[in-house]
PDB file of all heavy atoms in Angstrom:
ATOM      1  N   LYS A   1       0.832  -1.206   0.000  1.00  0.00           N
ATOM      2  CA  LYS A   1       0.000   0.000   0.000  1.00  0.00           C
ATOM      3  C   LYS A   1       0.866   1.256   0.000  1.00  0.00           C
ATOM      4  O   LYS A   1       0.564   2.237  -0.682  1.00  0.00           O
ATOM      5  CB  LYS A   1      -0.937   0.015   1.208  1.00  0.00           C
ATOM      6  CG  LYS A   1      -2.087  -0.946   1.115  1.00  0.00           C
ATOM      7  CD  LYS A   1      -2.915  -0.912   2.399  1.00  0.00           C
ATOM      8  CE  LYS A   1      -3.942  -2.000   2.430  1.00  0.00           C
ATOM      9  NZ  LYS A   1      -4.703  -2.024   3.689  1.00  0.00           N
ATOM     10  N   GLU A   2       1.961   1.235   0.767  1.00  0.00           N
ATOM     11  CA  GLU A   2       2.876   2.376   0.808  1.00  0.00           C
ATOM     12  C   GLU A   2       3.519   2.600  -0.558  1.00  0.00           C
ATOM     13  O   GLU A   2       3.656   3.745  -1.015  1.00  0.00           O
ATOM     14  CB  GLU A   2       3.959   2.159   1.866  1.00  0.00           C
ATOM     15  CG  GLU A   2       3.438   2.212   3.282  1.00  0.00           C
ATOM     16  CD  GLU A   2       4.453   1.730   4.316  1.00  0.00           C
ATOM     17  OE1 GLU A   2       5.606   1.393   3.958  1.00  0.00           O
ATOM     18  OE2 GLU A   2       4.077   1.678   5.505  1.00  0.00           O
ATOM     19  N   ILE A   3       3.910   1.522  -1.221  1.00  0.00           N
ATOM     20  CA  ILE A   3       4.508   1.626  -2.547  1.00  0.00           C
ATOM     21  C   ILE A   3       3.503   2.220  -3.531  1.00  0.00           C
ATOM     22  O   ILE A   3       3.824   3.121  -4.307  1.00  0.00           O
ATOM     23  CB  ILE A   3       5.012   0.240  -3.025  1.00  0.00           C
ATOM     24  CG1 ILE A   3       6.219  -0.193  -2.190  1.00  0.00           C
ATOM     25  CG2 ILE A   3       5.353   0.258  -4.513  1.00  0.00           C
ATOM     26  CD1 ILE A   3       6.618  -1.649  -2.369  1.00  0.00           C
ATOM     27  N   ILE A   4       2.281   1.734  -3.490  1.00  0.00           N
ATOM     28  CA  ILE A   4       1.232   2.238  -4.386  1.00  0.00           C
ATOM     29  C   ILE A   4       0.973   3.718  -4.119  1.00  0.00           C
ATOM     30  O   ILE A   4       0.795   4.504  -5.059  1.00  0.00           O
ATOM     31  CB  ILE A   4      -0.057   1.411  -4.226  1.00  0.00           C
ATOM     32  CG1 ILE A   4       0.167  -0.003  -4.773  1.00  0.00           C
ATOM     33  CG2 ILE A   4      -1.236   2.080  -4.921  1.00  0.00           C
ATOM     34  CD1 ILE A   4      -0.927  -0.987  -4.419  1.00  0.00           C
ATOM     35  N   SER A   5       0.973   4.111  -2.852  1.00  0.00           N
ATOM     36  CA  SER A   5       0.737   5.518  -2.510  1.00  0.00           C
ATOM     37  C   SER A   5       1.854   6.424  -2.992  1.00  0.00           C
ATOM     38  O   SER A   5       1.614   7.574  -3.363  1.00  0.00           O
ATOM     39  CB  SER A   5       0.576   5.678  -0.995  1.00  0.00           C
ATOM     40  OG  SER A   5      -0.604   5.073  -0.558  1.00  0.00           O
ATOM     41  N   SER A   6       3.075   5.905  -3.005  1.00  0.00           N
ATOM     42  CA  SER A   6       4.213   6.765  -3.366  1.00  0.00           C
ATOM     43  C   SER A   6       4.618   6.682  -4.842  1.00  0.00           C
ATOM     44  O   SER A   6       5.318   7.554  -5.330  1.00  0.00           O
ATOM     45  CB  SER A   6       5.429   6.417  -2.490  1.00  0.00           C
ATOM     46  OG  SER A   6       5.876   5.106  -2.778  1.00  0.00           O
ATOM     47  N   ASP A   7       4.184   5.638  -5.548  1.00  0.00           N
ATOM     48  CA  ASP A   7       4.570   5.455  -6.945  1.00  0.00           C
ATOM     49  C   ASP A   7       3.316   5.265  -7.793  1.00  0.00           C
ATOM     50  O   ASP A   7       2.713   4.186  -7.788  1.00  0.00           O
ATOM     51  CB  ASP A   7       5.489   4.237  -7.063  1.00  0.00           C
ATOM     52  CG  ASP A   7       5.899   3.927  -8.490  1.00  0.00           C
ATOM     53  OD1 ASP A   7       5.476   4.649  -9.431  1.00  0.00           O
ATOM     54  OD2 ASP A   7       6.630   2.940  -8.680  1.00  0.00           O
ATOM     55  N   PRO A   8       2.918   6.269  -8.549  1.00  0.00           N
ATOM     56  CA  PRO A   8       1.689   6.183  -9.348  1.00  0.00           C
ATOM     57  C   PRO A   8       1.678   5.030 -10.358  1.00  0.00           C
ATOM     58  O   PRO A   8       0.622   4.544 -10.728  1.00  0.00           O
ATOM     59  CB  PRO A   8       1.627   7.520 -10.076  1.00  0.00           C
ATOM     60  CG  PRO A   8       2.505   8.431  -9.303  1.00  0.00           C
ATOM     61  CD  PRO A   8       3.557   7.571  -8.659  1.00  0.00           C
ATOM     62  N   SER A   9       2.828   4.567 -10.791  1.00  0.00           N
ATOM     63  CA  SER A   9       2.874   3.486 -11.782  1.00  0.00           C
ATOM     64  C   SER A   9       2.822   2.099 -11.143  1.00  0.00           C
ATOM     65  O   SER A   9       2.644   1.099 -11.842  1.00  0.00           O
ATOM     66  CB  SER A   9       4.141   3.608 -12.632  1.00  0.00           C
ATOM     67  OG  SER A   9       5.290   3.308 -11.852  1.00  0.00           O
ATOM     68  N   ALA A  10       2.974   2.022  -9.840  1.00  0.00           N
ATOM     69  CA  ALA A  10       3.058   0.723  -9.158  1.00  0.00           C
ATOM     70  C   ALA A  10       1.778  -0.094  -9.294  1.00  0.00           C
ATOM     71  O   ALA A  10       1.834  -1.300  -9.534  1.00  0.00           O
ATOM     72  CB  ALA A  10       3.407   0.914  -7.687  1.00  0.00           C
ATOM     73  N   LEU A  11       0.636   0.544  -9.149  1.00  0.00           N
ATOM     74  CA  LEU A  11      -0.624  -0.196  -9.182  1.00  0.00           C
ATOM     75  C   LEU A  11      -0.797  -0.913 -10.519  1.00  0.00           C
ATOM     76  O   LEU A  11      -1.178  -2.087 -10.554  1.00  0.00           O
ATOM     77  CB  LEU A  11      -1.814   0.722  -8.906  1.00  0.00           C
ATOM     78  CG  LEU A  11      -3.169   0.036  -8.876  1.00  0.00           C
ATOM     79  CD1 LEU A  11      -3.222  -1.031  -7.786  1.00  0.00           C
ATOM     80  CD2 LEU A  11      -4.280   1.057  -8.677  1.00  0.00           C
ATOM     81  N   CYS A  12      -0.521  -0.240 -11.599  1.00  0.00           N
ATOM     82  CA  CYS A  12      -0.647  -0.850 -12.921  1.00  0.00           C
ATOM     83  C   CYS A  12       0.288  -2.055 -13.051  1.00  0.00           C
ATOM     84  O   CYS A  12      -0.095  -3.100 -13.599  1.00  0.00           O
ATOM     85  CB  CYS A  12      -0.369   0.182 -14.002  1.00  0.00           C
ATOM     86  SG  CYS A  12      -0.641  -0.454 -15.664  1.00  0.00           S
ATOM     87  N   LYS A  13       1.498  -1.930 -12.552  1.00  0.00           N
ATOM     88  CA  LYS A  13       2.461  -3.040 -12.610  1.00  0.00           C
ATOM     89  C   LYS A  13       1.963  -4.231 -11.796  1.00  0.00           C
ATOM     90  O   LYS A  13       2.078  -5.380 -12.231  1.00  0.00           O
ATOM     91  CB  LYS A  13       3.827  -2.583 -12.087  1.00  0.00           C
ATOM     92  CG  LYS A  13       4.504  -1.564 -12.979  1.00  0.00           C
ATOM     93  CD  LYS A  13       5.780  -1.040 -12.334  1.00  0.00           C
ATOM     94  CE  LYS A  13       6.391   0.077 -13.163  1.00  0.00           C
ATOM     95  NZ  LYS A  13       7.546   0.688 -12.495  1.00  0.00           N
ATOM     96  N   ILE A  14       1.414  -3.953 -10.632  1.00  0.00           N
ATOM     97  CA  ILE A  14       0.879  -5.018  -9.777  1.00  0.00           C
ATOM     98  C   ILE A  14      -0.307  -5.690 -10.467  1.00  0.00           C
ATOM     99  O   ILE A  14      -0.407  -6.922 -10.506  1.00  0.00           O
ATOM    100  CB  ILE A  14       0.488  -4.458  -8.396  1.00  0.00           C
ATOM    101  CG1 ILE A  14       1.742  -3.990  -7.653  1.00  0.00           C
ATOM    102  CG2 ILE A  14      -0.295  -5.489  -7.580  1.00  0.00           C
ATOM    103  CD1 ILE A  14       1.464  -3.099  -6.472  1.00  0.00           C
ATOM    104  N   GLU A  15      -1.200  -4.887 -11.004  1.00  0.00           N
ATOM    105  CA  GLU A  15      -2.376  -5.435 -11.686  1.00  0.00           C
ATOM    106  C   GLU A  15      -1.982  -6.304 -12.879  1.00  0.00           C
ATOM    107  O   GLU A  15      -2.631  -7.315 -13.151  1.00  0.00           O
ATOM    108  CB  GLU A  15      -3.305  -4.306 -12.130  1.00  0.00           C
ATOM    109  CG  GLU A  15      -4.023  -3.648 -10.969  1.00  0.00           C
ATOM    110  CD  GLU A  15      -4.845  -2.440 -11.381  1.00  0.00           C
ATOM    111  OE1 GLU A  15      -4.628  -1.886 -12.493  1.00  0.00           O
ATOM    112  OE2 GLU A  15      -5.719  -2.046 -10.579  1.00  0.00           O
ATOM    113  N   ASN A  16      -0.934  -5.922 -13.599  1.00  0.00           N
ATOM    114  CA  ASN A  16      -0.482  -6.707 -14.745  1.00  0.00           C
ATOM    115  C   ASN A  16       0.024  -8.082 -14.329  1.00  0.00           C
ATOM    116  O   ASN A  16       0.025  -9.014 -15.132  1.00  0.00           O
ATOM    117  CB  ASN A  16       0.599  -5.962 -15.527  1.00  0.00           C
ATOM    118  CG  ASN A  16       0.039  -4.814 -16.328  1.00  0.00           C
ATOM    119  OD1 ASN A  16      -1.138  -4.784 -16.652  1.00  0.00           O
ATOM    120  ND2 ASN A  16       0.884  -3.840 -16.639  1.00  0.00           N
ATOM    121  N   ILE A  17       0.446  -8.208 -13.099  1.00  0.00           N
ATOM    122  CA  ILE A  17       0.873  -9.503 -12.563  1.00  0.00           C
ATOM    123  C   ILE A  17      -0.320 -10.262 -11.992  1.00  0.00           C
ATOM    124  O   ILE A  17      -0.540 -11.440 -12.293  1.00  0.00           O
ATOM    125  CB  ILE A  17       1.939  -9.311 -11.458  1.00  0.00           C
ATOM    126  CG1 ILE A  17       3.240  -8.786 -12.078  1.00  0.00           C
ATOM    127  CG2 ILE A  17       2.172 -10.601 -10.676  1.00  0.00           C
ATOM    128  CD1 ILE A  17       4.247  -8.286 -11.062  1.00  0.00           C
ATOM    129  N   VAL A  18      -1.103  -9.590 -11.176  1.00  0.00           N
ATOM    130  CA  VAL A  18      -2.137 -10.259 -10.394  1.00  0.00           C
ATOM    131  C   VAL A  18      -3.391 -10.581 -11.208  1.00  0.00           C
ATOM    132  O   VAL A  18      -3.956 -11.677 -11.078  1.00  0.00           O
ATOM    133  CB  VAL A  18      -2.479  -9.431  -9.136  1.00  0.00           C
ATOM    134  CG1 VAL A  18      -3.630 -10.037  -8.360  1.00  0.00           C
ATOM    135  CG2 VAL A  18      -1.246  -9.301  -8.253  1.00  0.00           C
ATOM    136  N   HIS A  19      -3.831  -9.678 -12.061  1.00  0.00           N
ATOM    137  CA  HIS A  19      -5.100  -9.897 -12.769  1.00  0.00           C
ATOM    138  C   HIS A  19      -5.115 -11.168 -13.622  1.00  0.00           C
ATOM    139  O   HIS A  19      -6.108 -11.914 -13.583  1.00  0.00           O
ATOM    140  CB  HIS A  19      -5.480  -8.677 -13.594  1.00  0.00           C
ATOM    141  CG  HIS A  19      -5.967  -7.543 -12.753  1.00  0.00           C
ATOM    142  ND1 HIS A  19      -6.466  -6.383 -13.294  1.00  0.00           N
ATOM    143  CD2 HIS A  19      -6.042  -7.375 -11.408  1.00  0.00           C
ATOM    144  CE1 HIS A  19      -6.823  -5.557 -12.324  1.00  0.00           C
ATOM    145  NE2 HIS A  19      -6.568  -6.140 -11.179  1.00  0.00           N
ATOM    146  N   PRO A  20      -4.058 -11.476 -14.372  1.00  0.00           N
ATOM    147  CA  PRO A  20      -4.084 -12.744 -15.125  1.00  0.00           C
ATOM    148  C   PRO A  20      -4.146 -13.975 -14.212  1.00  0.00           C
ATOM    149  O   PRO A  20      -4.813 -14.965 -14.549  1.00  0.00           O
ATOM    150  CB  PRO A  20      -2.776 -12.717 -15.926  1.00  0.00           C
ATOM    151  CG  PRO A  20      -2.419 -11.276 -16.031  1.00  0.00           C
ATOM    152  CD  PRO A  20      -2.895 -10.655 -14.752  1.00  0.00           C
ATOM    153  N   LEU A  21      -3.474 -13.916 -13.065  1.00  0.00           N
ATOM    154  CA  LEU A  21      -3.525 -15.032 -12.120  1.00  0.00           C
ATOM    155  C   LEU A  21      -4.926 -15.197 -11.539  1.00  0.00           C
ATOM    156  O   LEU A  21      -5.418 -16.319 -11.368  1.00  0.00           O
ATOM    157  CB  LEU A  21      -2.502 -14.820 -10.998  1.00  0.00           C
ATOM    158  CG  LEU A  21      -1.035 -14.808 -11.429  1.00  0.00           C
ATOM    159  CD1 LEU A  21      -0.148 -14.356 -10.269  1.00  0.00           C
ATOM    160  CD2 LEU A  21      -0.606 -16.165 -11.952  1.00  0.00           C
ATOM    161  N   VAL A  22      -5.564 -14.098 -11.254  1.00  0.00           N
ATOM    162  CA  VAL A  22      -6.935 -14.131 -10.733  1.00  0.00           C
ATOM    163  C   VAL A  22      -7.880 -14.690 -11.804  1.00  0.00           C
ATOM    164  O   VAL A  22      -8.758 -15.508 -11.506  1.00  0.00           O
ATOM    165  CB  VAL A  22      -7.374 -12.725 -10.265  1.00  0.00           C
ATOM    166  CG1 VAL A  22      -8.857 -12.679  -9.954  1.00  0.00           C
ATOM    167  CG2 VAL A  22      -6.563 -12.290  -9.047  1.00  0.00           C
ATOM    168  N   ALA A  23      -7.693 -14.271 -13.047  1.00  0.00           N
ATOM    169  CA  ALA A  23      -8.544 -14.756 -14.140  1.00  0.00           C
ATOM    170  C   ALA A  23      -8.393 -16.273 -14.314  1.00  0.00           C
ATOM    171  O   ALA A  23      -9.381 -16.972 -14.562  1.00  0.00           O
ATOM    172  CB  ALA A  23      -8.200 -14.030 -15.435  1.00  0.00           C
ATOM    173  N   GLN A  24      -7.194 -16.780 -14.168  1.00  0.00           N
ATOM    174  CA  GLN A  24      -6.972 -18.232 -14.256  1.00  0.00           C
ATOM    175  C   GLN A  24      -7.729 -18.960 -13.149  1.00  0.00           C
ATOM    176  O   GLN A  24      -8.360 -20.001 -13.389  1.00  0.00           O
ATOM    177  CB  GLN A  24      -5.478 -18.557 -14.149  1.00  0.00           C
ATOM    178  CG  GLN A  24      -4.674 -18.180 -15.361  1.00  0.00           C
ATOM    179  CD  GLN A  24      -3.171 -18.355 -15.123  1.00  0.00           C
ATOM    180  OE1 GLN A  24      -2.723 -18.742 -14.038  1.00  0.00           O
ATOM    181  NE2 GLN A  24      -2.382 -18.058 -16.145  1.00  0.00           N
ATOM    182  N   ASP A  25      -7.670 -18.436 -11.945  1.00  0.00           N
ATOM    183  CA  ASP A  25      -8.365 -19.054 -10.819  1.00  0.00           C
ATOM    184  C   ASP A  25      -9.880 -19.021 -11.042  1.00  0.00           C
ATOM    185  O   ASP A  25     -10.576 -20.000 -10.770  1.00  0.00           O
ATOM    186  CB  ASP A  25      -7.990 -18.330  -9.520  1.00  0.00           C
ATOM    187  CG  ASP A  25      -8.449 -19.085  -8.299  1.00  0.00           C
ATOM    188  OD1 ASP A  25      -9.625 -18.907  -7.890  1.00  0.00           O
ATOM    189  OD2 ASP A  25      -7.639 -19.855  -7.749  1.00  0.00           O
ATOM    190  N   ARG A  26     -10.381 -17.907 -11.545  1.00  0.00           N
ATOM    191  CA  ARG A  26     -11.815 -17.764 -11.803  1.00  0.00           C
ATOM    192  C   ARG A  26     -12.267 -18.784 -12.859  1.00  0.00           C
ATOM    193  O   ARG A  26     -13.320 -19.414 -12.719  1.00  0.00           O
ATOM    194  CB  ARG A  26     -12.140 -16.339 -12.251  1.00  0.00           C
ATOM    195  CG  ARG A  26     -13.608 -16.070 -12.426  1.00  0.00           C
ATOM    196  CD  ARG A  26     -13.935 -14.601 -12.645  1.00  0.00           C
ATOM    197  NE  ARG A  26     -13.301 -14.050 -13.817  1.00  0.00           N
ATOM    198  CZ  ARG A  26     -12.453 -13.006 -13.810  1.00  0.00           C
ATOM    199  NH1 ARG A  26     -12.152 -12.388 -12.678  1.00  0.00           N
ATOM    200  NH2 ARG A  26     -11.937 -12.563 -14.920  1.00  0.00           N
ATOM    201  N   ALA A  27     -11.474 -18.990 -13.893  1.00  0.00           N
ATOM    202  CA  ALA A  27     -11.814 -19.962 -14.932  1.00  0.00           C
ATOM    203  C   ALA A  27     -11.838 -21.382 -14.362  1.00  0.00           C
ATOM    204  O   ALA A  27     -12.733 -22.173 -14.694  1.00  0.00           O
ATOM    205  CB  ALA A  27     -10.826 -19.858 -16.094  1.00  0.00           C
ATOM    206  N   ALA A  28     -10.891 -21.692 -13.496  1.00  0.00           N
ATOM    207  CA  ALA A  28     -10.853 -23.022 -12.876  1.00  0.00           C
ATOM    208  C   ALA A  28     -12.077 -23.231 -11.987  1.00  0.00           C
ATOM    209  O   ALA A  28     -12.675 -24.316 -11.978  1.00  0.00           O
ATOM    210  CB  ALA A  28      -9.564 -23.197 -12.073  1.00  0.00           C
ATOM    211  N   PHE A  29     -12.465 -22.207 -11.242  1.00  0.00           N
ATOM    212  CA  PHE A  29     -13.668 -22.290 -10.401  1.00  0.00           C
ATOM    213  C   PHE A  29     -14.890 -22.572 -11.270  1.00  0.00           C
ATOM    214  O   PHE A  29     -15.698 -23.460 -10.967  1.00  0.00           O
ATOM    215  CB  PHE A  29     -13.862 -20.987  -9.618  1.00  0.00           C
ATOM    216  CG  PHE A  29     -15.213 -20.853  -8.972  1.00  0.00           C
ATOM    217  CD1 PHE A  29     -15.467 -21.447  -7.744  1.00  0.00           C
ATOM    218  CD2 PHE A  29     -16.232 -20.146  -9.595  1.00  0.00           C
ATOM    219  CE1 PHE A  29     -16.721 -21.339  -7.147  1.00  0.00           C
ATOM    220  CE2 PHE A  29     -17.484 -20.039  -9.007  1.00  0.00           C
ATOM    221  CZ  PHE A  29     -17.727 -20.627  -7.787  1.00  0.00           C
ATOM    222  N   ARG A  30     -15.031 -21.819 -12.325  1.00  0.00           N
ATOM    223  CA  ARG A  30     -16.190 -21.963 -13.208  1.00  0.00           C
ATOM    224  C   ARG A  30     -16.263 -23.393 -13.765  1.00  0.00           C
ATOM    225  O   ARG A  30     -17.324 -23.989 -13.834  1.00  0.00           O
ATOM    226  CB  ARG A  30     -16.110 -20.943 -14.340  1.00  0.00           C
ATOM    227  CG  ARG A  30     -17.298 -20.990 -15.278  1.00  0.00           C
ATOM    228  CD  ARG A  30     -17.251 -19.886 -16.311  1.00  0.00           C
ATOM    229  NE  ARG A  30     -17.858 -18.703 -15.719  1.00  0.00           N
ATOM    230  CZ  ARG A  30     -17.420 -17.462 -15.894  1.00  0.00           C
ATOM    231  NH1 ARG A  30     -16.375 -17.229 -16.625  1.00  0.00           N
ATOM    232  NH2 ARG A  30     -18.033 -16.455 -15.325  1.00  0.00           N
ATOM    233  N   GLN A  31     -15.128 -23.925 -14.138  1.00  0.00           N
ATOM    234  CA  GLN A  31     -15.071 -25.264 -14.718  1.00  0.00           C
ATOM    235  C   GLN A  31     -15.428 -26.346 -13.699  1.00  0.00           C
ATOM    236  O   GLN A  31     -16.039 -27.349 -14.049  1.00  0.00           O
ATOM    237  CB  GLN A  31     -13.676 -25.521 -15.276  1.00  0.00           C
ATOM    238  CG  GLN A  31     -13.539 -26.845 -15.988  1.00  0.00           C
ATOM    239  CD  GLN A  31     -12.170 -27.003 -16.629  1.00  0.00           C
ATOM    240  OE1 GLN A  31     -11.360 -26.086 -16.645  1.00  0.00           O
ATOM    241  NE2 GLN A  31     -11.910 -28.177 -17.155  1.00  0.00           N
ATOM    242  N   ASN A  32     -15.086 -26.135 -12.425  1.00  0.00           N
ATOM    243  CA  ASN A  32     -15.270 -27.164 -11.402  1.00  0.00           C
ATOM    244  C   ASN A  32     -16.494 -26.974 -10.516  1.00  0.00           C
ATOM    245  O   ASN A  32     -16.789 -27.837  -9.687  1.00  0.00           O
ATOM    246  CB  ASN A  32     -14.013 -27.246 -10.530  1.00  0.00           C
ATOM    247  CG  ASN A  32     -12.808 -27.672 -11.341  1.00  0.00           C
ATOM    248  OD1 ASN A  32     -12.880 -28.611 -12.112  1.00  0.00           O
ATOM    249  ND2 ASN A  32     -11.708 -26.957 -11.181  1.00  0.00           N
ATOM    250  N   ALA A  33     -17.200 -25.866 -10.633  1.00  0.00           N
ATOM    251  CA  ALA A  33     -18.341 -25.579  -9.761  1.00  0.00           C
ATOM    252  C   ALA A  33     -19.495 -26.537 -10.032  1.00  0.00           C
ATOM    253  O   ALA A  33     -19.657 -27.033 -11.150  1.00  0.00           O
ATOM    254  CB  ALA A  33     -18.778 -24.134  -9.947  1.00  0.00           C
ATOM    255  N   LYS A  34     -20.294 -26.788  -9.014  1.00  0.00           N
ATOM    256  CA  LYS A  34     -21.386 -27.767  -9.098  1.00  0.00           C
ATOM    257  C   LYS A  34     -22.786 -27.144  -8.986  1.00  0.00           C
ATOM    258  O   LYS A  34     -23.764 -27.759  -9.370  1.00  0.00           O
ATOM    259  CB  LYS A  34     -21.243 -28.816  -7.978  1.00  0.00           C
ATOM    260  CG  LYS A  34     -19.901 -29.505  -7.922  1.00  0.00           C
ATOM    261  CD  LYS A  34     -19.709 -30.441  -9.077  1.00  0.00           C
ATOM    262  CE  LYS A  34     -18.411 -31.220  -8.921  1.00  0.00           C
ATOM    263  NZ  LYS A  34     -17.595 -31.221 -10.087  1.00  0.00           N
ATOM    264  N   SER A  35     -22.907 -25.960  -8.448  1.00  0.00           N
ATOM    265  CA  SER A  35     -24.212 -25.349  -8.187  1.00  0.00           C
ATOM    266  C   SER A  35     -24.882 -24.882  -9.476  1.00  0.00           C
ATOM    267  O   SER A  35     -24.219 -24.645 -10.489  1.00  0.00           O
ATOM    268  CB  SER A  35     -24.025 -24.147  -7.251  1.00  0.00           C
ATOM    269  OG  SER A  35     -25.254 -23.477  -7.061  1.00  0.00           O
ATOM    270  N   ASP A  36     -26.203 -24.720  -9.406  1.00  0.00           N
ATOM    271  CA  ASP A  36     -26.937 -24.182 -10.555  1.00  0.00           C
ATOM    272  C   ASP A  36     -26.697 -22.680 -10.712  1.00  0.00           C
ATOM    273  O   ASP A  36     -26.860 -22.137 -11.811  1.00  0.00           O
ATOM    274  CB  ASP A  36     -28.439 -24.471 -10.430  1.00  0.00           C
ATOM    275  CG  ASP A  36     -29.090 -23.839  -9.202  1.00  0.00           C
ATOM    276  OD1 ASP A  36     -28.381 -23.602  -8.195  1.00  0.00           O
ATOM    277  OD2 ASP A  36     -30.314 -23.610  -9.231  1.00  0.00           O
TER     278      ASP A  36
END
């Protein structure tokens, strides 16, 4: 949070790493979910 507050470009760099990983997890959940 301190890095993001002090470096305006940090958030974008973090998102470029984290968002694809989150999307992969979301796809795996969708594929394995059982509920209607």
